[in-house]
Amino acid sequence: MTEMIREEVRKFISETILFSTEGYPYPDDASFLENGIVDSMNVMELVMFVENHFGIKVDDSEIIPDHFDSVQQITAFVHGKQNHS
């Protein structure tokens, strides 16, 4: 299940944020902020994607770097939310 989440997140970032058809070029634990991969507007795009694509609700208090600063963190966050729904 987590591998499917990881692949969907990687695909979304690659196509929607990086405008790349060659896939996501960073390691899954690469910090979005430290590497300049996303900006604050992109974080909101990621939140909307996660909510719509995975059918979960992200509270405002959950929009923090611990949840949305890497593919690995988003994957763990979504997996955790799905398992507690």
PDB file of N, CA and C in Angstrom:
ATOM      1  N   MET A   1       0.822  -1.201   0.000  1.00  0.00           N
ATOM      2  CA  MET A   1       0.000   0.000   0.000  1.00  0.00           C
ATOM      3  C   MET A   1       0.861   1.259   0.000  1.00  0.00           C
ATOM      4  N   THR A   2       1.916   1.263   0.830  1.00  0.00           N
ATOM      5  CA  THR A   2       2.745   2.458   0.874  1.00  0.00           C
ATOM      6  C   THR A   2       3.487   2.688  -0.443  1.00  0.00           C
ATOM      7  N   GLU A   3       3.831   1.612  -1.142  1.00  0.00           N
ATOM      8  CA  GLU A   3       4.526   1.771  -2.426  1.00  0.00           C
ATOM      9  C   GLU A   3       3.622   2.457  -3.448  1.00  0.00           C
ATOM     10  N   MET A   4       2.333   2.125  -3.439  1.00  0.00           N
ATOM     11  CA  MET A   4       1.382   2.768  -4.340  1.00  0.00           C
ATOM     12  C   MET A   4       1.247   4.253  -3.992  1.00  0.00           C
ATOM     13  N   ILE A   5       1.172   4.563  -2.724  1.00  0.00           N
ATOM     14  CA  ILE A   5       1.089   5.965  -2.294  1.00  0.00           C
ATOM     15  C   ILE A   5       2.338   6.709  -2.759  1.00  0.00           C
ATOM     16  N   ARG A   6       3.500   6.125  -2.490  1.00  0.00           N
ATOM     17  CA  ARG A   6       4.780   6.740  -2.856  1.00  0.00           C
ATOM     18  C   ARG A   6       4.833   7.028  -4.367  1.00  0.00           C
ATOM     19  N   GLU A   7       4.441   6.073  -5.185  1.00  0.00           N
ATOM     20  CA  GLU A   7       4.493   6.249  -6.632  1.00  0.00           C
ATOM     21  C   GLU A   7       3.532   7.332  -7.103  1.00  0.00           C
ATOM     22  N   GLU A   8       2.346   7.386  -6.521  1.00  0.00           N
ATOM     23  CA  GLU A   8       1.364   8.408  -6.905  1.00  0.00           C
ATOM     24  C   GLU A   8       1.855   9.803  -6.523  1.00  0.00           C
ATOM     25  N   VAL A   9       2.468   9.939  -5.352  1.00  0.00           N
ATOM     26  CA  VAL A   9       3.003  11.232  -4.917  1.00  0.00           C
ATOM     27  C   VAL A   9       4.153  11.651  -5.822  1.00  0.00           C
ATOM     28  N   ARG A  10       5.055  10.725  -6.109  1.00  0.00           N
ATOM     29  CA  ARG A  10       6.190  11.013  -6.992  1.00  0.00           C
ATOM     30  C   ARG A  10       5.699  11.463  -8.372  1.00  0.00           C
ATOM     31  N   LYS A  11       4.710  10.774  -8.901  1.00  0.00           N
ATOM     32  CA  LYS A  11       4.159  11.110 -10.216  1.00  0.00           C
ATOM     33  C   LYS A  11       3.527  12.505 -10.197  1.00  0.00           C
ATOM     34  N   PHE A  12       2.748  12.798  -9.166  1.00  0.00           N
ATOM     35  CA  PHE A  12       2.099  14.099  -9.065  1.00  0.00           C
ATOM     36  C   PHE A  12       3.130  15.219  -9.021  1.00  0.00           C
ATOM     37  N   ILE A  13       4.136  15.083  -8.171  1.00  0.00           N
ATOM     38  CA  ILE A  13       5.157  16.130  -8.053  1.00  0.00           C
ATOM     39  C   ILE A  13       5.912  16.286  -9.365  1.00  0.00           C
ATOM     40  N   SER A  14       6.286  15.185  -9.950  1.00  0.00           N
ATOM     41  CA  SER A  14       7.033  15.220 -11.203  1.00  0.00           C
ATOM     42  C   SER A  14       6.259  15.947 -12.293  1.00  0.00           C
ATOM     43  N   GLU A  15       5.009  15.568 -12.481  1.00  0.00           N
ATOM     44  CA  GLU A  15       4.214  16.114 -13.582  1.00  0.00           C
ATOM     45  C   GLU A  15       3.643  17.500 -13.295  1.00  0.00           C
ATOM     46  N   THR A  16       3.171  17.731 -12.077  1.00  0.00           N
ATOM     47  CA  THR A  16       2.442  18.958 -11.760  1.00  0.00           C
ATOM     48  C   THR A  16       3.331  20.083 -11.246  1.00  0.00           C
ATOM     49  N   ILE A  17       4.358  19.739 -10.475  1.00  0.00           N
ATOM     50  CA  ILE A  17       5.202  20.766  -9.874  1.00  0.00           C
ATOM     51  C   ILE A  17       6.513  20.943 -10.653  1.00  0.00           C
ATOM     52  N   LEU A  18       7.122  19.846 -11.034  1.00  0.00           N
ATOM     53  CA  LEU A  18       8.400  19.923 -11.751  1.00  0.00           C
ATOM     54  C   LEU A  18       8.222  19.977 -13.273  1.00  0.00           C
ATOM     55  N   PHE A  19       7.001  19.727 -13.746  1.00  0.00           N
ATOM     56  CA  PHE A  19       6.695  19.698 -15.177  1.00  0.00           C
ATOM     57  C   PHE A  19       7.649  18.782 -15.937  1.00  0.00           C
ATOM     58  N   SER A  20       7.864  17.609 -15.381  1.00  0.00           N
ATOM     59  CA  SER A  20       8.788  16.651 -15.969  1.00  0.00           C
ATOM     60  C   SER A  20       8.047  15.391 -16.399  1.00  0.00           C
ATOM     61  N   THR A  21       8.431  14.864 -17.537  1.00  0.00           N
ATOM     62  CA  THR A  21       7.879  13.592 -17.992  1.00  0.00           C
ATOM     63  C   THR A  21       8.876  12.459 -17.749  1.00  0.00           C
ATOM     64  N   GLU A  22       9.992  12.800 -17.144  1.00  0.00           N
ATOM     65  CA  GLU A  22      11.049  11.814 -16.923  1.00  0.00           C
ATOM     66  C   GLU A  22      11.068  11.260 -15.510  1.00  0.00           C
ATOM     67  N   GLY A  23      10.045  11.525 -14.734  1.00  0.00           N
ATOM     68  CA  GLY A  23       9.972  10.989 -13.387  1.00  0.00           C
ATOM     69  C   GLY A  23      10.552  11.925 -12.343  1.00  0.00           C
ATOM     70  N   TYR A  24      10.419  11.521 -11.107  1.00  0.00           N
ATOM     71  CA  TYR A  24      10.881  12.302  -9.960  1.00  0.00           C
ATOM     72  C   TYR A  24      12.366  12.039  -9.753  1.00  0.00           C
ATOM     73  N   PRO A  25      13.223  13.063  -9.873  1.00  0.00           N
ATOM     74  CA  PRO A  25      14.672  12.844  -9.893  1.00  0.00           C
ATOM     75  C   PRO A  25      15.377  12.837  -8.537  1.00  0.00           C
ATOM     76  N   TYR A  26      14.637  12.971  -7.447  1.00  0.00           N
ATOM     77  CA  TYR A  26      15.251  13.077  -6.125  1.00  0.00           C
ATOM     78  C   TYR A  26      15.008  11.814  -5.299  1.00  0.00           C
ATOM     79  N   PRO A  27      15.842  11.581  -4.285  1.00  0.00           N
ATOM     80  CA  PRO A  27      15.556  10.477  -3.356  1.00  0.00           C
ATOM     81  C   PRO A  27      14.259  10.787  -2.591  1.00  0.00           C
ATOM     82  N   ASP A  28      13.574   9.760  -2.154  1.00  0.00           N
ATOM     83  CA  ASP A  28      12.296   9.965  -1.470  1.00  0.00           C
ATOM     84  C   ASP A  28      12.424  10.725  -0.161  1.00  0.00           C
ATOM     85  N   ASP A  29      13.608  10.734   0.432  1.00  0.00           N
ATOM     86  CA  ASP A  29      13.786  11.461   1.692  1.00  0.00           C
ATOM     87  C   ASP A  29      14.365  12.865   1.497  1.00  0.00           C
ATOM     88  N   ALA A  30      14.501  13.317   0.245  1.00  0.00           N
ATOM     89  CA  ALA A  30      15.022  14.665  -0.028  1.00  0.00           C
ATOM     90  C   ALA A  30      14.028  15.720   0.449  1.00  0.00           C
ATOM     91  N   SER A  31      14.515  16.674   1.223  1.00  0.00           N
ATOM     92  CA  SER A  31      13.675  17.753   1.738  1.00  0.00           C
ATOM     93  C   SER A  31      13.250  18.668   0.593  1.00  0.00           C
ATOM     94  N   PHE A  32      11.940  18.870   0.471  1.00  0.00           N
ATOM     95  CA  PHE A  32      11.430  19.775  -0.548  1.00  0.00           C
ATOM     96  C   PHE A  32      11.950  21.195  -0.318  1.00  0.00           C
ATOM     97  N   LEU A  33      11.936  21.636   0.936  1.00  0.00           N
ATOM     98  CA  LEU A  33      12.324  23.007   1.255  1.00  0.00           C
ATOM     99  C   LEU A  33      13.824  23.220   1.076  1.00  0.00           C
ATOM    100  N   GLU A  34      14.631  22.320   1.604  1.00  0.00           N
ATOM    101  CA  GLU A  34      16.089  22.463   1.505  1.00  0.00           C
ATOM    102  C   GLU A  34      16.583  22.391   0.065  1.00  0.00           C
ATOM    103  N   ASN A  35      15.899  21.620  -0.776  1.00  0.00           N
ATOM    104  CA  ASN A  35      16.324  21.446  -2.163  1.00  0.00           C
ATOM    105  C   ASN A  35      15.573  22.336  -3.146  1.00  0.00           C
ATOM    106  N   GLY A  36      14.685  23.194  -2.649  1.00  0.00           N
ATOM    107  CA  GLY A  36      13.949  24.098  -3.526  1.00  0.00           C
ATOM    108  C   GLY A  36      13.016  23.381  -4.488  1.00  0.00           C
ATOM    109  N   ILE A  37      12.521  22.230  -4.079  1.00  0.00           N
ATOM    110  CA  ILE A  37      11.654  21.427  -4.951  1.00  0.00           C
ATOM    111  C   ILE A  37      10.247  22.011  -4.998  1.00  0.00           C
ATOM    112  N   VAL A  38       9.748  22.471  -3.862  1.00  0.00           N
ATOM    113  CA  VAL A  38       8.411  23.060  -3.797  1.00  0.00           C
ATOM    114  C   VAL A  38       8.477  24.399  -3.065  1.00  0.00           C
ATOM    115  N   ASP A  39       7.470  25.230  -3.326  1.00  0.00           N
ATOM    116  CA  ASP A  39       7.324  26.476  -2.581  1.00  0.00           C
ATOM    117  C   ASP A  39       6.005  26.410  -1.812  1.00  0.00           C
ATOM    118  N   SER A  40       5.641  27.487  -1.150  1.00  0.00           N
ATOM    119  CA  SER A  40       4.447  27.455  -0.292  1.00  0.00           C
ATOM    120  C   SER A  40       3.173  27.175  -1.088  1.00  0.00           C
ATOM    121  N   MET A  41       3.082  27.677  -2.303  1.00  0.00           N
ATOM    122  CA  MET A  41       1.896  27.385  -3.129  1.00  0.00           C
ATOM    123  C   MET A  41       1.846  25.916  -3.510  1.00  0.00           C
ATOM    124  N   ASN A  42       3.007  25.334  -3.789  1.00  0.00           N
ATOM    125  CA  ASN A  42       3.060  23.918  -4.136  1.00  0.00           C
ATOM    126  C   ASN A  42       2.630  23.049  -2.961  1.00  0.00           C
ATOM    127  N   VAL A  43       2.930  23.484  -1.741  1.00  0.00           N
ATOM    128  CA  VAL A  43       2.500  22.722  -0.565  1.00  0.00           C
ATOM    129  C   VAL A  43       0.976  22.631  -0.552  1.00  0.00           C
ATOM    130  N   MET A  44       0.312  23.728  -0.867  1.00  0.00           N
ATOM    131  CA  MET A  44      -1.155  23.709  -0.895  1.00  0.00           C
ATOM    132  C   MET A  44      -1.666  22.801  -2.005  1.00  0.00           C
ATOM    133  N   GLU A  45      -0.966  22.774  -3.147  1.00  0.00           N
ATOM    134  CA  GLU A  45      -1.320  21.840  -4.217  1.00  0.00           C
ATOM    135  C   GLU A  45      -1.177  20.397  -3.729  1.00  0.00           C
ATOM    136  N   LEU A  46      -0.100  20.133  -2.998  1.00  0.00           N
ATOM    137  CA  LEU A  46       0.116  18.790  -2.457  1.00  0.00           C
ATOM    138  C   LEU A  46      -0.983  18.396  -1.481  1.00  0.00           C
ATOM    139  N   VAL A  47      -1.376  19.329  -0.627  1.00  0.00           N
ATOM    140  CA  VAL A  47      -2.447  19.057   0.338  1.00  0.00           C
ATOM    141  C   VAL A  47      -3.743  18.728  -0.396  1.00  0.00           C
ATOM    142  N   MET A  48      -4.090  19.522  -1.386  1.00  0.00           N
ATOM    143  CA  MET A  48      -5.321  19.269  -2.152  1.00  0.00           C
ATOM    144  C   MET A  48      -5.243  17.935  -2.880  1.00  0.00           C
ATOM    145  N   PHE A  49      -4.077  17.627  -3.456  1.00  0.00           N
ATOM    146  CA  PHE A  49      -3.888  16.340  -4.123  1.00  0.00           C
ATOM    147  C   PHE A  49      -4.091  15.188  -3.145  1.00  0.00           C
ATOM    148  N   VAL A  50      -3.458  15.270  -2.002  1.00  0.00           N
ATOM    149  CA  VAL A  50      -3.563  14.204  -0.995  1.00  0.00           C
ATOM    150  C   VAL A  50      -5.018  14.010  -0.581  1.00  0.00           C
ATOM    151  N   GLU A  51      -5.714  15.106  -0.324  1.00  0.00           N
ATOM    152  CA  GLU A  51      -7.119  15.004   0.088  1.00  0.00           C
ATOM    153  C   GLU A  51      -7.980  14.381  -1.013  1.00  0.00           C
ATOM    154  N   ASN A  52      -7.844  14.892  -2.219  1.00  0.00           N
ATOM    155  CA  ASN A  52      -8.691  14.425  -3.325  1.00  0.00           C
ATOM    156  C   ASN A  52      -8.315  13.030  -3.808  1.00  0.00           C
ATOM    157  N   HIS A  53      -7.042  12.774  -3.951  1.00  0.00           N
ATOM    158  CA  HIS A  53      -6.591  11.514  -4.538  1.00  0.00           C
ATOM    159  C   HIS A  53      -6.699  10.334  -3.565  1.00  0.00           C
ATOM    160  N   PHE A  54      -6.411  10.592  -2.301  1.00  0.00           N
ATOM    161  CA  PHE A  54      -6.400   9.504  -1.329  1.00  0.00           C
ATOM    162  C   PHE A  54      -7.628   9.508  -0.412  1.00  0.00           C
ATOM    163  N   GLY A  55      -8.514  10.494  -0.586  1.00  0.00           N
ATOM    164  CA  GLY A  55      -9.761  10.525   0.155  1.00  0.00           C
ATOM    165  C   GLY A  55      -9.590  10.726   1.647  1.00  0.00           C
ATOM    166  N   ILE A  56      -8.638  11.576   2.029  1.00  0.00           N
ATOM    167  CA  ILE A  56      -8.447  11.861   3.449  1.00  0.00           C
ATOM    168  C   ILE A  56      -8.630  13.347   3.690  1.00  0.00           C
ATOM    169  N   LYS A  57      -8.863  13.715   4.921  1.00  0.00           N
ATOM    170  CA  LYS A  57      -8.994  15.123   5.318  1.00  0.00           C
ATOM    171  C   LYS A  57      -7.712  15.535   6.013  1.00  0.00           C
ATOM    172  N   VAL A  58      -7.125  16.635   5.544  1.00  0.00           N
ATOM    173  CA  VAL A  58      -5.919  17.183   6.166  1.00  0.00           C
ATOM    174  C   VAL A  58      -6.329  18.433   6.934  1.00  0.00           C
ATOM    175  N   ASP A  59      -6.187  18.391   8.249  1.00  0.00           N
ATOM    176  CA  ASP A  59      -6.494  19.559   9.072  1.00  0.00           C
ATOM    177  C   ASP A  59      -5.397  20.603   8.906  1.00  0.00           C
ATOM    178  N   ASP A  60      -5.753  21.864   9.107  1.00  0.00           N
ATOM    179  CA  ASP A  60      -4.761  22.937   8.989  1.00  0.00           C
ATOM    180  C   ASP A  60      -3.557  22.681   9.891  1.00  0.00           C
ATOM    181  N   SER A  61      -3.795  22.138  11.069  1.00  0.00           N
ATOM    182  CA  SER A  61      -2.706  21.886  12.026  1.00  0.00           C
ATOM    183  C   SER A  61      -1.758  20.787  11.556  1.00  0.00           C
ATOM    184  N   GLU A  62      -2.167  20.019  10.531  1.00  0.00           N
ATOM    185  CA  GLU A  62      -1.341  18.934  10.010  1.00  0.00           C
ATOM    186  C   GLU A  62      -0.461  19.372   8.828  1.00  0.00           C
ATOM    187  N   ILE A  63      -0.643  20.602   8.375  1.00  0.00           N
ATOM    188  CA  ILE A  63       0.147  21.105   7.249  1.00  0.00           C
ATOM    189  C   ILE A  63       1.453  21.668   7.806  1.00  0.00           C
ATOM    190  N   ILE A  64       2.360  20.746   8.093  1.00  0.00           N
ATOM    191  CA  ILE A  64       3.648  21.088   8.684  1.00  0.00           C
ATOM    192  C   ILE A  64       4.748  20.324   7.942  1.00  0.00           C
ATOM    193  N   PRO A  65       5.997  20.804   8.036  1.00  0.00           N
ATOM    194  CA  PRO A  65       7.079  20.101   7.345  1.00  0.00           C
ATOM    195  C   PRO A  65       7.217  18.628   7.730  1.00  0.00           C
ATOM    196  N   ASP A  66       6.891  18.274   8.961  1.00  0.00           N
ATOM    197  CA  ASP A  66       6.983  16.869   9.368  1.00  0.00           C
ATOM    198  C   ASP A  66       6.092  15.956   8.524  1.00  0.00           C
ATOM    199  N   HIS A  67       5.080  16.515   7.892  1.00  0.00           N
ATOM    200  CA  HIS A  67       4.165  15.729   7.065  1.00  0.00           C
ATOM    201  C   HIS A  67       4.336  15.972   5.566  1.00  0.00           C
ATOM    202  N   PHE A  68       4.825  17.152   5.181  1.00  0.00           N
ATOM    203  CA  PHE A  68       4.814  17.543   3.767  1.00  0.00           C
ATOM    204  C   PHE A  68       6.157  18.052   3.243  1.00  0.00           C
ATOM    205  N   ASP A  69       7.279  17.547   3.768  1.00  0.00           N
ATOM    206  CA  ASP A  69       8.577  18.042   3.305  1.00  0.00           C
ATOM    207  C   ASP A  69       9.371  17.024   2.496  1.00  0.00           C
ATOM    208  N   SER A  70       8.785  15.890   2.198  1.00  0.00           N
ATOM    209  CA  SER A  70       9.453  14.909   1.328  1.00  0.00           C
ATOM    210  C   SER A  70       8.427  13.882   0.870  1.00  0.00           C
ATOM    211  N   VAL A  71       8.774  13.148  -0.154  1.00  0.00           N
ATOM    212  CA  VAL A  71       7.900  12.067  -0.611  1.00  0.00           C
ATOM    213  C   VAL A  71       7.715  11.062   0.521  1.00  0.00           C
ATOM    214  N   GLN A  72       8.785  10.753   1.209  1.00  0.00           N
ATOM    215  CA  GLN A  72       8.745   9.790   2.309  1.00  0.00           C
ATOM    216  C   GLN A  72       7.787  10.245   3.409  1.00  0.00           C
ATOM    217  N   GLN A  73       7.840  11.526   3.777  1.00  0.00           N
ATOM    218  CA  GLN A  73       6.962  12.037   4.823  1.00  0.00           C
ATOM    219  C   GLN A  73       5.493  12.060   4.386  1.00  0.00           C
ATOM    220  N   ILE A  74       5.237  12.452   3.160  1.00  0.00           N
ATOM    221  CA  ILE A  74       3.857  12.455   2.667  1.00  0.00           C
ATOM    222  C   ILE A  74       3.319  11.028   2.635  1.00  0.00           C
ATOM    223  N   THR A  75       4.122  10.098   2.174  1.00  0.00           N
ATOM    224  CA  THR A  75       3.705   8.695   2.123  1.00  0.00           C
ATOM    225  C   THR A  75       3.338   8.183   3.505  1.00  0.00           C
ATOM    226  N   ALA A  76       4.181   8.448   4.488  1.00  0.00           N
ATOM    227  CA  ALA A  76       3.907   7.997   5.860  1.00  0.00           C
ATOM    228  C   ALA A  76       2.661   8.676   6.421  1.00  0.00           C
ATOM    229  N   PHE A  77       2.500   9.968   6.132  1.00  0.00           N
ATOM    230  CA  PHE A  77       1.335  10.717   6.620  1.00  0.00           C
ATOM    231  C   PHE A  77       0.046  10.136   6.044  1.00  0.00           C
ATOM    232  N   VAL A  78       0.021   9.946   4.717  1.00  0.00           N
ATOM    233  CA  VAL A  78      -1.185   9.420   4.063  1.00  0.00           C
ATOM    234  C   VAL A  78      -1.471   8.008   4.575  1.00  0.00           C
ATOM    235  N   HIS A  79      -0.464   7.177   4.656  1.00  0.00           N
ATOM    236  CA  HIS A  79      -0.646   5.800   5.146  1.00  0.00           C
ATOM    237  C   HIS A  79      -1.229   5.812   6.566  1.00  0.00           C
ATOM    238  N   GLY A  80      -0.689   6.669   7.409  1.00  0.00           N
ATOM    239  CA  GLY A  80      -1.190   6.773   8.774  1.00  0.00           C
ATOM    240  C   GLY A  80      -2.632   7.246   8.827  1.00  0.00           C
ATOM    241  N   LYS A  81      -2.978   8.226   8.032  1.00  0.00           N
ATOM    242  CA  LYS A  81      -4.353   8.751   8.008  1.00  0.00           C
ATOM    243  C   LYS A  81      -5.324   7.681   7.486  1.00  0.00           C
ATOM    244  N   GLN A  82      -4.912   6.947   6.474  1.00  0.00           N
ATOM    245  CA  GLN A  82      -5.781   5.900   5.926  1.00  0.00           C
ATOM    246  C   GLN A  82      -6.020   4.787   6.940  1.00  0.00           C
ATOM    247  N   ASN A  83      -5.018   4.470   7.718  1.00  0.00           N
ATOM    248  CA  ASN A  83      -5.146   3.398   8.699  1.00  0.00           C
ATOM    249  C   ASN A  83      -5.911   3.796   9.948  1.00  0.00           C
ATOM    250  N   HIS A  84      -6.134   5.108  10.133  1.00  0.00           N
ATOM    251  CA  HIS A  84      -6.869   5.586  11.304  1.00  0.00           C
ATOM    252  C   HIS A  84      -8.230   6.150  10.958  1.00  0.00           C
ATOM    253  N   SER A  85      -8.639   5.952   9.726  1.00  0.00           N
ATOM    254  CA  SER A  85      -9.947   6.471   9.282  1.00  0.00           C
ATOM    255  C   SER A  85     -11.065   5.530   9.643  1.00  0.00           C
TER     256      SER A  85
END
